[in-house]
C-alpha cells in the first residue's frame, strides 16, 4: 500500500510542480542548429487530459478522428461531422484506464450525446472526467498532510450545420476545471483549482458520390482547431500556462466493396498551437538559466510568455531549431477500419511523434460490434519504442446507444 501511495504522490507532485514552475528546454550555450534538433524539447501545457483520445473507435485507428465517418463521439474530434450523421440521436459512454501498470485507479471517463432536429443541423454535448484516484499528500520531510482525489473535467456543448450538400461547419464551447492540489501550499505558494473556457472551430467535407473501380466510395476531409481559450493558473502567481490549443487536419476514404464489406483508411496530422520552449543561456556561476533585468536570457527561439493569439500564430515559427524543428512538432496518425455487414468491425492504426517531442510511437488495434440498439468497441495499444505509454497493456472500451433503432424496435412491437 505504501508503494502505491508513493507512486501516486509522485504523479500528483509532478503535476503540481509543472503547474507552478516554468518549463526549460536544453540550456547549454553555443549550440549549433543540428545540436538543437537533437535535444529533447517537448511542448508542455496545462490540462493535457483534453488531448487524450476518449473513445475506443478512434483509439483503435491510431487516434484518428477529424475526418472519419460521423459517430456519437464526433464532438471531441470535429463537431461539424455531426451534421452528416445518419441517425437522429445517439449516446456513448467510454472508459480508459490510465497508468494501470503503476497505479490501479487513474482513469478517464467520457459521456457524449447528440441530436439532429433536422437533416441539416445537429447539437451535441459531452462530459469528460479525469481522476487521479486517491493520493496521500506529504510535506518536504515526509509528514502526511492529507488525502485527496485530484481530478479534472470538461463540459462541451456544440452545434454544427451543413453549409452545402457536401460541407459543414461546427463550433463547440467548453468549460474546463482542473483541481490537482486541493489548495495545499507548493513551493511557498497557495494553490487553487485552475479554470478556463475555450472553443473549437471545425469544418468537414463529405462526398459520397464517388467510385473507385466501380465501387461506391466516400471521401472525407476535416479540419479542427480545438481548445482556443484563456491561459490557466493554479495559484495567485502572475505566471499562467497555455491550455493545449491544437490543430488537426486529415482526410479519409471509405469504400463499399459489396453489400457486406466496407473498408476505410485515414491519414491525419496534428500540431499544438502553443509556444515551443526556447533555449536559455546558462549562468556559469550558478548553473541555472541566466537572468538579466528580471528576464531569462534566450539563446534560440522566442519568449514563451505571450498572449493567446500571439502564441497561436507564433507557434509556426518559434522553435529554437527553426523550420526543421517545426516539422518535428507535427504528429502523424494513420488508421484502417473494416466493417462486415455493418455489424462487426476490425481496426488498426499507427501514431508517430518525433523522439525529441515526446517520442510516442505505437500501433493500435481495435474491434467493434453492433447489436440492435447497442454497440461495443474495444481498443488496445502496442508501443513500438522504449517510451512507456500510459495506456500500455490496457484495454479501453466504449458503449454506444442507437436511439433510432430503439424507436424502430418499439414501433415494430406496437404493430404486432
Foldseek 3Di string as FASTA:
>chain_A
DVQLQVVLQVVLLVLVCPQPDDDAFAAEPPDDLVRLLVGFFADDFPPPVLVDQFAQVCQFFQNDQFWDQDDQPNVSRFVQNVLQDPAFKKKKKWKAFFLCVRHPDWIKIKIKMKGDPDNFKIKIKMKMKTKSPKHFHADPVGHTDDIDIWMKMKIKIKMKGDPDPFKIKMKMKMKIKTGRDVQDDDPNFTWAIKIKIFMKIKMKGWDQPDDDVNWGKIKMWMKMFTGLIFFIHGTPDPDTTGHFGKIKTKMKMKTDPDLFKIKMKIKMKMATQAATRFHFHADVVPRHFDDDPRHGHGPFFDDRPDGSVCSRVCLCAGRRSGNVVSVLRMKMKMKMWMGTNVFKIKMKIWIAHHPSHQGFTWIKIKMKGDDQFKIKMKMAIGTPDPDDGRRHPHIMMMMMGRVVSVVVVVVVVVVD
